[in-house]
Protein backbone atom coordinates (compact mmCIF):
# COMPACT_ATOMS: atom_id res chain seq x y z
CA MET A 1 94.35 -101.36 -95.74
CA ALA A 2 98.43 -101.67 -95.68
CA GLY A 3 100.19 -104.91 -94.36
CA MET A 4 101.40 -105.63 -91.34
CA VAL A 5 105.56 -106.20 -90.57
CA LYS A 6 107.14 -109.47 -88.70
CA VAL A 7 110.27 -107.44 -86.66
CA THR A 8 111.99 -109.44 -84.00
CA LEU A 9 115.45 -108.08 -82.35
CA VAL A 10 118.19 -110.25 -83.15
CA LYS A 11 121.19 -108.62 -81.21
CA SER A 12 121.59 -106.50 -78.37
CA MET A 13 121.10 -102.64 -78.05
CA ILE A 14 123.76 -102.29 -75.43
CA GLY A 15 126.53 -100.47 -76.84
CA ARG A 16 124.67 -99.05 -79.73
CA PRO A 17 124.78 -95.00 -80.31
CA GLU A 18 121.36 -93.34 -78.84
CA LYS A 19 119.49 -92.56 -82.01
CA HIS A 20 119.79 -96.79 -82.76
CA ARG A 21 117.80 -97.38 -79.00
CA LYS A 22 115.21 -94.78 -79.62
CA VAL A 23 114.38 -96.41 -82.90
CA LEU A 24 114.37 -99.49 -81.07
CA LEU A 25 112.63 -97.99 -78.81
CA GLY A 26 109.90 -96.65 -80.78
CA MET A 27 108.82 -99.97 -81.95
CA GLY A 28 108.21 -101.55 -79.25
CA LEU A 29 111.59 -103.77 -79.09
CA THR A 30 113.13 -103.79 -75.69
CA LYS A 31 114.67 -107.41 -74.66
CA VAL A 32 116.49 -109.76 -77.61
CA ASN A 33 114.04 -112.11 -79.90
CA ARG A 34 111.25 -110.03 -79.27
CA THR A 35 109.16 -109.93 -81.57
CA VAL A 36 106.31 -106.85 -82.87
CA GLU A 37 104.01 -106.58 -85.82
CA LEU A 38 104.05 -103.32 -87.14
CA GLU A 39 101.68 -102.40 -90.03
CA ASP A 40 103.68 -101.42 -93.13
CA THR A 41 104.15 -98.16 -93.44
CA PRO A 42 107.24 -96.11 -95.13
CA SER A 43 108.35 -94.40 -91.54
CA ILE A 44 107.89 -98.04 -89.99
CA ARG A 45 110.14 -98.86 -93.38
CA GLY A 46 113.12 -96.33 -92.58
CA MET A 47 113.13 -97.56 -88.77
CA ILE A 48 113.91 -101.05 -90.05
CA HIS A 49 116.29 -99.86 -92.46
CA LYS A 50 118.53 -97.34 -89.62
CA VAL A 51 118.73 -100.99 -88.04
CA SER A 52 118.65 -103.64 -89.98
CA HIS A 53 121.89 -104.81 -88.44
CA LEU A 54 119.88 -105.58 -85.32
CA VAL A 55 116.51 -107.11 -86.38
CA ALA A 56 115.19 -109.35 -88.37
CA ALA A 57 112.06 -108.36 -90.80
CA GLU A 58 109.40 -110.27 -92.40
CA GLU A 59 106.41 -109.01 -94.27
CA LYS A 60 103.68 -111.09 -92.94
CA SER A 61 100.93 -112.37 -95.07
CA ASP A 62 97.23 -112.01 -95.18
CA GLU A 63 95.49 -114.72 -94.21
CA THR A 64 92.44 -113.82 -93.30
CA LYS A 65 90.87 -113.27 -96.73
C-alpha cells in the first residue's frame, strides 16, 4: 500500500491561474490552512509539484504497524 501525504494550503488561490485553482480543488483544498490527507501516488505528487508555491506537503508516517 502506498503511504499518505498531508497537504496544507498555505497561500490563497486568489489571483492565481485557473489551472492552479483546478488542481487545488481536485485535491480538496478550498480554504487557507485546510489540510487533507491524500494517497501518495505519482499523480498526487505531480499535483503537489504544480502548486508547490501554494501548499506545504509532508509525508505521513505509518504509525499503525
